[in-house]
């Protein structure tokens, strides 16, 4: 496993190297860069990268726009942003621009590891701040947020999430769903992650099966 780590603070990189040694699959090879442009160079030299961890506030970076650039140039390399920014709007824009996860630098080591292991396994890590905004459970995953002011069904799914779920059942990809309902692909990813959490499933197939059992798709599931 090979991971690219791009951050302008050497002390933070050193700490994150220690965390990365605890990932599933054994100790990874870690390539480091102190600014965005050097990170791009390393990505060119190592197209076999399994993951890229990028900070936003560093030399050469233009914030979320840089994520879009990296994703366009290396669409096969999953990107997780590790940043001190904690605003929901900022996080959502980063996800819209192609990131597969956003982890705040204030997060605990277990949260960081869970997020990175999820992305490495092909999943998407949505920050709790965004999930709460979309009416999902709290960071602990056990306490529901107050949905009284939200238009949700009896299972806690919003109308938009039901729309996404219907397209999931039809076999559409996130990109196809985004085009069908005129949303950014990153926003669709957030809705899909919210559906997974609400239905307590871990894949598209499980989500469709559980939705069928609950009668959310117009019929009983198998």
N, C-alpha and C. Protein backbone atom coordinates (compact mmCIF):
# COMPACT_ATOMS: atom_id res chain seq x y z
N UNK A 1 0.85 -1.19 0.00
CA UNK A 1 0.00 0.00 0.00
C UNK A 1 0.89 1.25 0.00
N UNK A 2 0.51 2.21 -0.82
CA UNK A 2 1.32 3.43 -0.95
C UNK A 2 0.41 4.65 -0.79
N UNK A 3 0.81 5.55 0.12
CA UNK A 3 -0.01 6.71 0.44
C UNK A 3 0.79 8.00 0.26
N UNK A 4 0.15 8.99 -0.36
CA UNK A 4 0.75 10.31 -0.52
C UNK A 4 0.23 11.22 0.59
N UNK A 5 1.13 11.86 1.31
CA UNK A 5 0.79 12.76 2.41
C UNK A 5 1.32 14.15 2.08
N UNK A 6 0.42 15.11 1.91
CA UNK A 6 0.83 16.47 1.53
C UNK A 6 0.35 17.46 2.57
N UNK A 7 1.28 18.03 3.30
CA UNK A 7 0.97 19.01 4.35
C UNK A 7 2.24 19.82 4.61
N UNK A 8 2.10 21.11 4.85
CA UNK A 8 3.29 21.95 5.01
C UNK A 8 3.84 21.96 6.43
N UNK A 9 3.20 21.24 7.35
CA UNK A 9 3.71 21.18 8.72
C UNK A 9 4.39 19.84 8.96
N UNK A 10 5.70 19.87 9.09
CA UNK A 10 6.48 18.64 9.25
C UNK A 10 6.07 17.87 10.50
N UNK A 11 5.75 18.59 11.58
CA UNK A 11 5.38 17.93 12.83
C UNK A 11 4.06 17.18 12.66
N UNK A 12 3.11 17.75 11.92
CA UNK A 12 1.85 17.07 11.69
C UNK A 12 2.07 15.83 10.82
N UNK A 13 2.92 15.96 9.81
CA UNK A 13 3.20 14.80 8.95
C UNK A 13 3.81 13.67 9.77
N UNK A 14 4.68 14.03 10.70
CA UNK A 14 5.32 13.00 11.53
C UNK A 14 4.26 12.28 12.38
N UNK A 15 3.34 13.04 12.94
CA UNK A 15 2.29 12.43 13.76
C UNK A 15 1.37 11.56 12.93
N UNK A 16 1.04 12.03 11.71
CA UNK A 16 0.15 11.26 10.86
C UNK A 16 0.83 9.99 10.35
N UNK A 17 2.15 10.04 10.17
CA UNK A 17 2.87 8.81 9.77
C UNK A 17 2.66 7.72 10.81
N UNK A 18 2.68 8.10 12.08
CA UNK A 18 2.47 7.14 13.16
C UNK A 18 1.07 6.55 13.08
N UNK A 19 0.07 7.39 12.81
CA UNK A 19 -1.31 6.93 12.69
C UNK A 19 -1.45 5.97 11.51
N UNK A 20 -0.81 6.30 10.40
CA UNK A 20 -0.95 5.49 9.19
C UNK A 20 -0.38 4.09 9.35
N UNK A 21 0.55 3.92 10.26
CA UNK A 21 1.11 2.59 10.50
C UNK A 21 0.07 1.64 11.09
N UNK A 22 -1.03 2.20 11.59
CA UNK A 22 -2.06 1.38 12.24
C UNK A 22 -3.21 1.02 11.30
N UNK A 23 -3.10 1.38 10.03
CA UNK A 23 -4.15 1.06 9.07
C UNK A 23 -4.24 -0.44 8.82
N UNK A 24 -5.43 -0.90 8.43
CA UNK A 24 -5.59 -2.30 8.05
C UNK A 24 -4.71 -2.59 6.85
N UNK A 25 -4.16 -3.78 6.81
CA UNK A 25 -3.36 -4.17 5.66
C UNK A 25 -1.87 -3.98 5.86
N UNK A 26 -1.47 -3.53 7.05
CA UNK A 26 -0.04 -3.39 7.31
C UNK A 26 0.48 -1.99 7.08
N UNK A 27 1.73 -1.78 7.46
CA UNK A 27 2.36 -0.46 7.36
C UNK A 27 2.52 -0.07 5.90
N UNK A 28 2.00 1.11 5.51
CA UNK A 28 2.10 1.54 4.12
C UNK A 28 3.42 2.25 3.84
N UNK A 29 3.75 2.35 2.56
CA UNK A 29 4.85 3.22 2.14
C UNK A 29 4.27 4.62 2.02
N UNK A 30 4.92 5.59 2.66
CA UNK A 30 4.38 6.95 2.70
C UNK A 30 5.29 7.90 1.94
N UNK A 31 4.73 8.60 0.98
CA UNK A 31 5.44 9.63 0.23
C UNK A 31 4.99 10.99 0.75
N UNK A 32 5.93 11.89 1.01
CA UNK A 32 5.57 13.16 1.62
C UNK A 32 5.94 14.35 0.74
N UNK A 33 5.12 15.40 0.86
CA UNK A 33 5.40 16.67 0.20
C UNK A 33 4.93 17.79 1.11
N UNK A 34 5.62 18.93 1.02
CA UNK A 34 5.30 20.06 1.88
C UNK A 34 4.47 21.12 1.22
N UNK A 35 4.18 20.98 -0.07
CA UNK A 35 3.29 21.92 -0.75
C UNK A 35 2.54 21.20 -1.86
N UNK A 36 1.50 21.85 -2.36
CA UNK A 36 0.60 21.20 -3.30
C UNK A 36 1.29 20.82 -4.60
N UNK A 37 2.13 21.70 -5.13
CA UNK A 37 2.79 21.42 -6.41
C UNK A 37 3.72 20.22 -6.32
N UNK A 38 4.45 20.10 -5.22
CA UNK A 38 5.31 18.92 -5.03
C UNK A 38 4.46 17.66 -4.89
N UNK A 39 3.27 17.81 -4.29
CA UNK A 39 2.37 16.68 -4.18
C UNK A 39 1.91 16.20 -5.55
N UNK A 40 1.62 17.15 -6.45
CA UNK A 40 1.23 16.79 -7.81
C UNK A 40 2.36 16.04 -8.52
N UNK A 41 3.58 16.50 -8.33
CA UNK A 41 4.72 15.85 -8.95
C UNK A 41 4.86 14.40 -8.49
N UNK A 42 4.67 14.18 -7.20
CA UNK A 42 4.78 12.81 -6.67
C UNK A 42 3.65 11.93 -7.21
N UNK A 43 2.47 12.51 -7.38
CA UNK A 43 1.35 11.74 -7.93
C UNK A 43 1.63 11.33 -9.37
N UNK A 44 2.29 12.20 -10.12
CA UNK A 44 2.67 11.87 -11.50
C UNK A 44 3.69 10.73 -11.51
N UNK A 45 4.63 10.81 -10.58
CA UNK A 45 5.71 9.82 -10.53
C UNK A 45 5.23 8.47 -9.98
N UNK A 46 4.13 8.49 -9.22
CA UNK A 46 3.65 7.26 -8.59
C UNK A 46 2.15 7.09 -8.86
N UNK A 47 1.78 6.75 -10.07
CA UNK A 47 0.36 6.60 -10.41
C UNK A 47 -0.30 5.42 -9.70
N UNK A 48 0.50 4.59 -9.05
CA UNK A 48 -0.05 3.42 -8.35
C UNK A 48 -0.49 3.75 -6.93
N UNK A 49 -0.51 5.03 -6.56
CA UNK A 49 -0.91 5.43 -5.22
C UNK A 49 -2.28 4.88 -4.84
N UNK A 50 -2.40 4.41 -3.60
CA UNK A 50 -3.67 3.89 -3.11
C UNK A 50 -4.53 4.96 -2.46
N UNK A 51 -3.88 6.07 -2.04
CA UNK A 51 -4.60 7.11 -1.32
C UNK A 51 -3.76 8.38 -1.28
N UNK A 52 -4.44 9.53 -1.34
CA UNK A 52 -3.76 10.82 -1.19
C UNK A 52 -4.41 11.59 -0.05
N UNK A 53 -3.62 12.03 0.90
CA UNK A 53 -4.09 12.85 2.01
C UNK A 53 -3.60 14.27 1.78
N UNK A 54 -4.52 15.20 1.63
CA UNK A 54 -4.16 16.57 1.27
C UNK A 54 -4.68 17.57 2.28
N UNK A 55 -3.82 18.50 2.66
CA UNK A 55 -4.24 19.66 3.44
C UNK A 55 -4.71 20.71 2.44
N UNK A 56 -5.45 21.70 2.92
CA UNK A 56 -5.92 22.76 2.03
C UNK A 56 -5.12 24.05 2.18
N UNK A 57 -4.78 24.37 3.42
CA UNK A 57 -4.08 25.63 3.68
C UNK A 57 -2.58 25.41 3.71
N UNK A 58 -1.99 25.39 2.52
CA UNK A 58 -0.55 25.20 2.39
C UNK A 58 -0.09 25.86 1.10
N UNK A 59 1.21 26.09 0.95
CA UNK A 59 1.73 26.72 -0.27
C UNK A 59 1.29 25.98 -1.53
N UNK A 60 0.86 26.73 -2.53
CA UNK A 60 0.47 26.15 -3.81
C UNK A 60 -0.97 25.71 -3.89
N UNK A 61 -1.67 25.68 -2.75
CA UNK A 61 -3.05 25.23 -2.74
C UNK A 61 -4.00 26.42 -2.86
N UNK A 62 -5.08 26.21 -3.59
CA UNK A 62 -6.13 27.22 -3.72
C UNK A 62 -7.41 26.73 -3.05
N UNK A 63 -7.26 25.98 -2.00
CA UNK A 63 -8.42 25.49 -1.27
C UNK A 63 -9.13 24.37 -2.02
N UNK A 64 -10.47 24.31 -1.91
CA UNK A 64 -11.23 23.24 -2.56
C UNK A 64 -10.98 23.12 -4.06
N UNK A 65 -10.65 24.23 -4.71
CA UNK A 65 -10.38 24.19 -6.15
C UNK A 65 -9.21 23.24 -6.46
N UNK A 66 -8.25 23.19 -5.56
CA UNK A 66 -7.11 22.31 -5.76
C UNK A 66 -7.52 20.85 -5.70
N UNK A 67 -8.54 20.54 -4.91
CA UNK A 67 -9.05 19.17 -4.87
C UNK A 67 -9.64 18.80 -6.22
N UNK A 68 -10.38 19.73 -6.81
CA UNK A 68 -10.96 19.46 -8.13
C UNK A 68 -9.86 19.22 -9.15
N UNK A 69 -8.79 20.01 -9.08
CA UNK A 69 -7.67 19.84 -10.00
C UNK A 69 -7.03 18.47 -9.82
N UNK A 70 -6.76 18.10 -8.57
CA UNK A 70 -6.13 16.81 -8.30
C UNK A 70 -7.02 15.67 -8.79
N UNK A 71 -8.31 15.77 -8.50
CA UNK A 71 -9.25 14.71 -8.90
C UNK A 71 -9.34 14.59 -10.42
N UNK A 72 -9.30 15.73 -11.12
CA UNK A 72 -9.37 15.69 -12.58
C UNK A 72 -8.12 15.05 -13.19
N UNK A 73 -6.97 15.34 -12.58
CA UNK A 73 -5.71 14.80 -13.12
C UNK A 73 -5.48 13.35 -12.72
N UNK A 74 -5.97 12.97 -11.54
CA UNK A 74 -5.73 11.61 -11.03
C UNK A 74 -7.05 11.02 -10.51
N UNK A 75 -8.02 10.80 -11.38
CA UNK A 75 -9.34 10.33 -10.93
C UNK A 75 -9.31 8.94 -10.29
N UNK A 76 -8.22 8.19 -10.52
CA UNK A 76 -8.12 6.83 -9.97
C UNK A 76 -7.56 6.82 -8.55
N UNK A 77 -7.07 7.98 -8.06
CA UNK A 77 -6.49 8.05 -6.72
C UNK A 77 -7.51 8.67 -5.76
N UNK A 78 -8.02 7.90 -4.79
CA UNK A 78 -8.96 8.49 -3.83
C UNK A 78 -8.28 9.54 -2.96
N UNK A 79 -8.98 10.65 -2.74
CA UNK A 79 -8.44 11.76 -1.98
C UNK A 79 -9.22 11.95 -0.68
N UNK A 80 -8.49 12.10 0.40
CA UNK A 80 -9.08 12.49 1.68
C UNK A 80 -8.44 13.80 2.10
N UNK A 81 -9.26 14.79 2.39
CA UNK A 81 -8.75 16.07 2.86
C UNK A 81 -8.62 16.01 4.38
N UNK A 82 -7.46 16.40 4.88
CA UNK A 82 -7.21 16.49 6.31
C UNK A 82 -6.92 17.96 6.61
N UNK A 83 -7.86 18.63 7.24
CA UNK A 83 -7.77 20.09 7.34
C UNK A 83 -8.21 20.59 8.71
N UNK A 84 -7.76 21.78 9.03
CA UNK A 84 -8.19 22.45 10.26
C UNK A 84 -9.51 23.16 10.07
N UNK A 85 -9.97 23.29 8.84
CA UNK A 85 -11.26 23.92 8.57
C UNK A 85 -12.39 23.01 9.05
N UNK A 86 -13.41 23.60 9.66
CA UNK A 86 -14.51 22.79 10.17
C UNK A 86 -15.88 23.32 9.77
N UNK A 87 -15.92 24.23 8.80
CA UNK A 87 -17.20 24.75 8.34
C UNK A 87 -17.90 23.77 7.42
N UNK A 88 -19.21 23.60 7.59
CA UNK A 88 -19.96 22.65 6.78
C UNK A 88 -19.91 23.00 5.30
N UNK A 89 -20.04 24.31 5.00
CA UNK A 89 -20.01 24.73 3.60
C UNK A 89 -18.70 24.39 2.94
N UNK A 90 -17.61 24.57 3.66
CA UNK A 90 -16.27 24.26 3.15
C UNK A 90 -16.14 22.76 2.90
N UNK A 91 -16.60 21.97 3.86
CA UNK A 91 -16.53 20.51 3.72
C UNK A 91 -17.35 20.03 2.53
N UNK A 92 -18.55 20.56 2.39
CA UNK A 92 -19.43 20.13 1.31
C UNK A 92 -18.81 20.46 -0.05
N UNK A 93 -18.19 21.62 -0.15
CA UNK A 93 -17.56 22.00 -1.42
C UNK A 93 -16.43 21.04 -1.76
N UNK A 94 -15.64 20.68 -0.77
CA UNK A 94 -14.54 19.72 -0.97
C UNK A 94 -15.08 18.39 -1.48
N UNK A 95 -16.17 17.92 -0.88
CA UNK A 95 -16.77 16.65 -1.32
C UNK A 95 -17.34 16.78 -2.73
N UNK A 96 -17.94 17.93 -3.03
CA UNK A 96 -18.48 18.16 -4.37
C UNK A 96 -17.37 18.12 -5.42
N UNK A 97 -16.18 18.54 -5.03
CA UNK A 97 -15.06 18.62 -5.97
C UNK A 97 -14.31 17.30 -6.11
N UNK A 98 -14.79 16.23 -5.49
CA UNK A 98 -14.21 14.92 -5.76
C UNK A 98 -13.54 14.20 -4.61
N UNK A 99 -13.46 14.82 -3.43
CA UNK A 99 -12.84 14.13 -2.29
C UNK A 99 -13.71 12.97 -1.85
N UNK A 100 -13.07 11.90 -1.40
CA UNK A 100 -13.78 10.73 -0.90
C UNK A 100 -13.93 10.78 0.62
N UNK A 101 -13.39 11.83 1.23
CA UNK A 101 -13.51 11.97 2.67
C UNK A 101 -12.95 13.30 3.13
N UNK A 102 -13.40 13.76 4.29
CA UNK A 102 -12.89 14.99 4.90
C UNK A 102 -12.75 14.70 6.39
N UNK A 103 -11.52 14.84 6.89
CA UNK A 103 -11.25 14.58 8.31
C UNK A 103 -10.66 15.84 8.92
N UNK A 104 -11.27 16.33 9.99
CA UNK A 104 -10.75 17.51 10.68
C UNK A 104 -9.49 17.14 11.47
N UNK A 105 -8.56 18.07 11.52
CA UNK A 105 -7.33 17.81 12.26
C UNK A 105 -7.58 17.68 13.76
N UNK A 106 -8.74 18.13 14.21
CA UNK A 106 -9.09 17.99 15.62
C UNK A 106 -9.67 16.61 15.94
N UNK A 107 -9.83 15.77 14.92
CA UNK A 107 -10.41 14.43 15.12
C UNK A 107 -9.50 13.54 15.95
N UNK A 108 -10.07 12.53 16.57
CA UNK A 108 -9.29 11.57 17.33
C UNK A 108 -8.64 10.56 16.37
N UNK A 109 -7.67 9.83 16.88
CA UNK A 109 -7.00 8.81 16.07
C UNK A 109 -7.98 7.74 15.59
N UNK A 110 -8.87 7.22 16.45
CA UNK A 110 -9.83 6.22 15.96
C UNK A 110 -10.71 6.75 14.83
N UNK A 111 -11.14 8.01 14.92
CA UNK A 111 -11.97 8.58 13.85
C UNK A 111 -11.16 8.65 12.56
N UNK A 112 -9.91 9.09 12.66
CA UNK A 112 -9.05 9.17 11.49
C UNK A 112 -8.86 7.79 10.86
N UNK A 113 -8.56 6.79 11.67
CA UNK A 113 -8.34 5.44 11.16
C UNK A 113 -9.60 4.87 10.52
N UNK A 114 -10.74 5.07 11.16
CA UNK A 114 -12.00 4.57 10.61
C UNK A 114 -12.27 5.20 9.25
N UNK A 115 -12.02 6.50 9.16
CA UNK A 115 -12.26 7.22 7.91
C UNK A 115 -11.36 6.71 6.80
N UNK A 116 -10.08 6.57 7.08
CA UNK A 116 -9.13 6.14 6.05
C UNK A 116 -9.34 4.69 5.66
N UNK A 117 -9.64 3.83 6.64
CA UNK A 117 -9.91 2.43 6.30
C UNK A 117 -11.16 2.31 5.43
N UNK A 118 -12.15 3.15 5.71
CA UNK A 118 -13.37 3.14 4.91
C UNK A 118 -13.08 3.52 3.46
N UNK A 119 -12.33 4.60 3.28
CA UNK A 119 -12.01 5.06 1.93
C UNK A 119 -11.14 4.04 1.20
N UNK A 120 -10.17 3.45 1.90
CA UNK A 120 -9.31 2.45 1.28
C UNK A 120 -10.09 1.21 0.86
N UNK A 121 -11.21 0.96 1.52
CA UNK A 121 -12.03 -0.20 1.16
C UNK A 121 -13.05 0.13 0.08
N UNK A 122 -12.97 1.38 -0.44
CA UNK A 122 -13.86 1.76 -1.53
C UNK A 122 -15.06 2.60 -1.11
N UNK A 123 -15.13 2.95 0.18
CA UNK A 123 -16.26 3.74 0.67
C UNK A 123 -16.00 5.23 0.63
N UNK A 124 -16.96 5.97 1.15
CA UNK A 124 -16.87 7.43 1.24
C UNK A 124 -17.08 7.82 2.70
N UNK A 125 -16.17 8.64 3.23
CA UNK A 125 -16.32 9.10 4.61
C UNK A 125 -16.90 10.50 4.60
N UNK A 126 -18.12 10.64 5.11
CA UNK A 126 -18.78 11.93 5.19
C UNK A 126 -18.61 12.48 6.61
N UNK A 127 -18.12 13.71 6.77
CA UNK A 127 -17.95 14.27 8.11
C UNK A 127 -19.27 14.32 8.87
N UNK A 128 -19.24 14.09 10.18
CA UNK A 128 -20.47 14.14 10.98
C UNK A 128 -21.20 15.47 10.84
N UNK A 129 -20.46 16.57 10.65
CA UNK A 129 -21.09 17.88 10.51
C UNK A 129 -22.05 17.91 9.33
N UNK A 130 -21.67 17.26 8.23
CA UNK A 130 -22.53 17.24 7.05
C UNK A 130 -23.70 16.28 7.26
N UNK A 131 -23.43 15.12 7.86
CA UNK A 131 -24.49 14.16 8.11
C UNK A 131 -25.56 14.75 9.01
N UNK A 132 -25.15 15.52 10.02
CA UNK A 132 -26.13 16.14 10.91
C UNK A 132 -26.98 17.13 10.14
N UNK A 133 -26.35 17.85 9.22
CA UNK A 133 -27.09 18.82 8.41
C UNK A 133 -28.13 18.12 7.55
N UNK A 134 -27.85 16.88 7.16
CA UNK A 134 -28.76 16.15 6.29
C UNK A 134 -29.72 15.27 7.09
N UNK A 135 -29.77 15.49 8.41
CA UNK A 135 -30.78 14.80 9.20
C UNK A 135 -30.44 13.37 9.55
N UNK A 136 -29.15 13.07 9.69
CA UNK A 136 -28.75 11.71 10.04
C UNK A 136 -28.38 11.70 11.51
N UNK A 137 -27.87 10.58 12.00
CA UNK A 137 -27.55 10.45 13.41
C UNK A 137 -26.36 11.31 13.80
N UNK A 138 -26.15 11.40 15.08
CA UNK A 138 -25.05 12.20 15.61
C UNK A 138 -23.73 11.50 15.38
N UNK A 139 -22.65 12.13 15.79
CA UNK A 139 -21.30 11.59 15.56
C UNK A 139 -21.14 10.21 16.19
N UNK A 140 -21.82 9.98 17.31
CA UNK A 140 -21.71 8.67 17.95
C UNK A 140 -22.46 7.60 17.18
N UNK A 141 -23.38 8.05 16.31
CA UNK A 141 -24.12 7.10 15.50
C UNK A 141 -25.29 6.46 16.24
N UNK A 142 -25.58 6.94 17.47
CA UNK A 142 -26.65 6.31 18.24
C UNK A 142 -27.80 7.26 18.55
N UNK A 143 -27.55 8.54 18.67
CA UNK A 143 -28.59 9.47 19.04
C UNK A 143 -29.11 10.21 17.82
N UNK A 144 -30.43 10.14 17.55
CA UNK A 144 -30.97 10.85 16.38
C UNK A 144 -30.99 12.35 16.61
N UNK A 145 -30.81 13.11 15.54
CA UNK A 145 -30.92 14.55 15.64
C UNK A 145 -32.40 14.92 15.62
N UNK A 146 -32.71 16.15 15.96
CA UNK A 146 -34.09 16.62 15.97
C UNK A 146 -34.57 16.83 14.55
N UNK A 147 -35.55 16.03 14.12
CA UNK A 147 -36.04 16.12 12.74
C UNK A 147 -37.39 16.84 12.67
N UNK A 148 -37.82 17.48 13.76
CA UNK A 148 -39.15 18.06 13.77
C UNK A 148 -39.32 19.13 12.71
N UNK A 149 -38.22 19.85 12.38
CA UNK A 149 -38.30 20.92 11.40
C UNK A 149 -37.99 20.43 10.00
N UNK A 150 -37.79 19.11 9.84
CA UNK A 150 -37.42 18.57 8.54
C UNK A 150 -38.55 17.72 7.97
N UNK A 151 -38.68 17.70 6.66
CA UNK A 151 -39.72 16.93 6.00
C UNK A 151 -39.18 15.53 5.72
N UNK A 152 -39.33 14.63 6.69
CA UNK A 152 -38.83 13.27 6.54
C UNK A 152 -39.97 12.28 6.69
N UNK A 153 -39.76 11.07 6.16
CA UNK A 153 -40.77 10.04 6.34
C UNK A 153 -40.58 9.35 7.69
N UNK A 154 -41.34 8.29 7.94
CA UNK A 154 -41.29 7.65 9.25
C UNK A 154 -39.95 7.01 9.56
N UNK A 155 -39.13 6.78 8.52
CA UNK A 155 -37.82 6.17 8.73
C UNK A 155 -36.70 7.21 8.82
N UNK A 156 -37.06 8.49 8.68
CA UNK A 156 -36.07 9.55 8.78
C UNK A 156 -35.43 9.96 7.48
N UNK A 157 -35.95 9.47 6.37
CA UNK A 157 -35.40 9.81 5.05
C UNK A 157 -36.11 11.03 4.48
N UNK A 158 -35.34 11.98 3.98
CA UNK A 158 -35.92 13.16 3.37
C UNK A 158 -36.45 12.81 1.97
N UNK A 159 -37.21 13.72 1.40
CA UNK A 159 -37.74 13.50 0.06
C UNK A 159 -36.61 13.33 -0.95
N UNK A 160 -35.55 14.14 -0.81
CA UNK A 160 -34.41 14.03 -1.72
C UNK A 160 -33.71 12.70 -1.56
N UNK A 161 -33.54 12.24 -0.32
CA UNK A 161 -32.90 10.95 -0.08
C UNK A 161 -33.73 9.81 -0.66
N UNK A 162 -35.06 9.93 -0.59
CA UNK A 162 -35.92 8.93 -1.21
C UNK A 162 -35.76 8.93 -2.72
N UNK A 163 -35.59 10.10 -3.29
CA UNK A 163 -35.38 10.22 -4.73
C UNK A 163 -34.08 9.52 -5.13
N UNK A 164 -33.02 9.77 -4.35
CA UNK A 164 -31.73 9.13 -4.60
C UNK A 164 -31.86 7.62 -4.44
N UNK A 165 -32.58 7.18 -3.41
CA UNK A 165 -32.76 5.75 -3.15
C UNK A 165 -33.46 5.07 -4.32
N UNK A 166 -34.45 5.73 -4.89
CA UNK A 166 -35.16 5.17 -6.04
C UNK A 166 -34.22 4.97 -7.22
N UNK A 167 -33.34 5.94 -7.44
CA UNK A 167 -32.37 5.81 -8.53
C UNK A 167 -31.33 4.74 -8.22
N UNK A 168 -30.98 4.59 -6.94
CA UNK A 168 -30.07 3.50 -6.55
C UNK A 168 -30.68 2.15 -6.92
N UNK A 169 -31.96 2.02 -6.62
CA UNK A 169 -32.66 0.77 -6.91
C UNK A 169 -32.71 0.48 -8.41
N UNK A 170 -32.66 1.55 -9.21
CA UNK A 170 -32.68 1.39 -10.66
C UNK A 170 -31.29 1.08 -11.22
N UNK A 171 -30.29 1.04 -10.33
CA UNK A 171 -28.94 0.68 -10.75
C UNK A 171 -28.09 1.83 -11.25
N UNK A 172 -28.53 3.07 -11.02
CA UNK A 172 -27.75 4.21 -11.51
C UNK A 172 -26.53 4.46 -10.63
N UNK A 173 -25.44 4.93 -11.25
CA UNK A 173 -24.24 5.32 -10.52
C UNK A 173 -24.46 6.69 -9.90
N UNK A 174 -23.57 7.10 -9.00
CA UNK A 174 -23.67 8.43 -8.41
C UNK A 174 -23.68 9.52 -9.48
N UNK A 175 -22.84 9.36 -10.48
CA UNK A 175 -22.75 10.35 -11.55
C UNK A 175 -24.07 10.42 -12.32
N UNK A 176 -24.65 9.26 -12.60
CA UNK A 176 -25.91 9.23 -13.33
C UNK A 176 -27.05 9.81 -12.50
N UNK A 177 -27.03 9.53 -11.20
CA UNK A 177 -28.05 10.11 -10.32
C UNK A 177 -27.92 11.62 -10.29
N UNK A 178 -26.68 12.10 -10.20
CA UNK A 178 -26.44 13.55 -10.17
C UNK A 178 -27.01 14.22 -11.42
N UNK A 179 -26.80 13.59 -12.57
CA UNK A 179 -27.32 14.15 -13.82
C UNK A 179 -28.85 14.09 -13.85
N UNK A 180 -29.41 13.02 -13.31
CA UNK A 180 -30.86 12.83 -13.37
C UNK A 180 -31.61 13.83 -12.49
N UNK A 181 -31.04 14.16 -11.33
CA UNK A 181 -31.76 15.05 -10.42
C UNK A 181 -31.07 16.41 -10.27
N UNK A 182 -30.09 16.65 -11.12
CA UNK A 182 -29.43 17.95 -11.22
C UNK A 182 -28.80 18.40 -9.90
N UNK A 183 -27.98 17.51 -9.37
CA UNK A 183 -27.19 17.80 -8.18
C UNK A 183 -25.73 17.56 -8.49
N UNK A 184 -24.84 18.14 -7.69
CA UNK A 184 -23.42 17.84 -7.81
C UNK A 184 -23.19 16.39 -7.38
N UNK A 185 -22.24 15.72 -8.02
CA UNK A 185 -21.98 14.32 -7.68
C UNK A 185 -21.58 14.17 -6.21
N UNK A 186 -20.83 15.16 -5.70
CA UNK A 186 -20.45 15.11 -4.29
C UNK A 186 -21.65 15.16 -3.36
N UNK A 187 -22.67 15.92 -3.74
CA UNK A 187 -23.89 15.99 -2.94
C UNK A 187 -24.62 14.66 -2.97
N UNK A 188 -24.62 14.00 -4.11
CA UNK A 188 -25.24 12.68 -4.21
C UNK A 188 -24.51 11.70 -3.29
N UNK A 189 -23.18 11.77 -3.25
CA UNK A 189 -22.40 10.90 -2.36
C UNK A 189 -22.83 11.09 -0.91
N UNK A 190 -23.08 12.35 -0.54
CA UNK A 190 -23.50 12.65 0.83
C UNK A 190 -24.85 12.01 1.11
N UNK A 191 -25.78 12.14 0.16
CA UNK A 191 -27.10 11.55 0.35
C UNK A 191 -27.02 10.02 0.44
N UNK A 192 -26.17 9.41 -0.40
CA UNK A 192 -26.02 7.95 -0.36
C UNK A 192 -25.46 7.52 1.00
N UNK A 193 -24.47 8.24 1.48
CA UNK A 193 -23.90 7.91 2.79
C UNK A 193 -24.94 8.07 3.90
N UNK A 194 -25.77 9.10 3.78
CA UNK A 194 -26.83 9.30 4.76
C UNK A 194 -27.84 8.16 4.73
N UNK A 195 -28.19 7.71 3.53
CA UNK A 195 -29.12 6.59 3.38
C UNK A 195 -28.55 5.33 4.04
N UNK A 196 -27.26 5.08 3.80
CA UNK A 196 -26.61 3.92 4.41
C UNK A 196 -26.73 3.98 5.93
N UNK A 197 -26.46 5.16 6.48
CA UNK A 197 -26.44 5.29 7.94
C UNK A 197 -27.84 5.15 8.52
N UNK A 198 -28.83 5.75 7.86
CA UNK A 198 -30.20 5.68 8.35
C UNK A 198 -30.74 4.26 8.29
N UNK A 199 -30.45 3.57 7.19
CA UNK A 199 -30.94 2.19 7.02
C UNK A 199 -30.03 1.16 7.67
N UNK A 200 -28.89 1.62 8.19
CA UNK A 200 -27.92 0.74 8.86
C UNK A 200 -27.42 -0.35 7.93
N UNK A 201 -26.97 0.07 6.75
CA UNK A 201 -26.42 -0.86 5.76
C UNK A 201 -25.04 -0.35 5.32
N UNK A 202 -24.34 -1.19 4.55
CA UNK A 202 -23.00 -0.83 4.15
C UNK A 202 -22.74 -0.86 2.66
N UNK A 203 -23.79 -1.10 1.86
CA UNK A 203 -23.59 -1.15 0.42
C UNK A 203 -24.88 -0.79 -0.30
N UNK A 204 -24.75 -0.54 -1.61
CA UNK A 204 -25.92 -0.19 -2.40
C UNK A 204 -26.92 -1.35 -2.44
N UNK A 205 -26.40 -2.56 -2.60
CA UNK A 205 -27.28 -3.72 -2.66
C UNK A 205 -28.05 -3.90 -1.36
N UNK A 206 -27.36 -3.73 -0.23
CA UNK A 206 -28.02 -3.86 1.06
C UNK A 206 -29.06 -2.76 1.26
N UNK A 207 -28.74 -1.55 0.78
CA UNK A 207 -29.68 -0.43 0.91
C UNK A 207 -30.97 -0.72 0.14
N UNK A 208 -30.82 -1.21 -1.08
CA UNK A 208 -31.99 -1.52 -1.90
C UNK A 208 -32.79 -2.65 -1.27
N UNK A 209 -32.10 -3.68 -0.78
CA UNK A 209 -32.78 -4.81 -0.16
C UNK A 209 -33.56 -4.37 1.09
N UNK A 210 -32.90 -3.56 1.93
CA UNK A 210 -33.55 -3.10 3.16
C UNK A 210 -34.71 -2.16 2.84
N UNK A 211 -34.54 -1.31 1.85
CA UNK A 211 -35.62 -0.40 1.45
C UNK A 211 -36.81 -1.20 0.94
N UNK A 212 -36.54 -2.28 0.24
CA UNK A 212 -37.62 -3.14 -0.23
C UNK A 212 -38.37 -3.78 0.91
N UNK A 213 -37.63 -4.24 1.91
CA UNK A 213 -38.26 -4.87 3.08
C UNK A 213 -39.16 -3.88 3.81
N UNK A 214 -38.74 -2.63 3.84
CA UNK A 214 -39.50 -1.60 4.54
C UNK A 214 -40.65 -1.04 3.70
N UNK A 215 -40.71 -1.50 2.45
CA UNK A 215 -41.78 -1.01 1.59
C UNK A 215 -41.53 0.37 1.01
N UNK A 216 -40.27 0.81 1.02
CA UNK A 216 -39.95 2.16 0.55
C UNK A 216 -39.88 2.24 -0.98
N UNK A 217 -39.82 1.10 -1.63
CA UNK A 217 -39.70 1.08 -3.09
C UNK A 217 -40.98 0.62 -3.77
N UNK A 218 -42.08 0.65 -3.02
CA UNK A 218 -43.36 0.30 -3.64
C UNK A 218 -43.70 -1.17 -3.59
N UNK A 219 -42.84 -1.96 -2.90
CA UNK A 219 -43.13 -3.39 -2.80
C UNK A 219 -42.25 -4.02 -1.76
N UNK A 220 -42.48 -5.20 -1.42
CA UNK A 220 -41.69 -5.91 -0.40
C UNK A 220 -40.39 -6.36 -0.99
N UNK A 221 -39.34 -6.36 -0.14
CA UNK A 221 -38.03 -6.81 -0.58
C UNK A 221 -37.93 -8.32 -0.46
N UNK A 222 -36.82 -8.82 -1.02
CA UNK A 222 -36.60 -10.25 -0.96
C UNK A 222 -35.63 -10.58 0.14
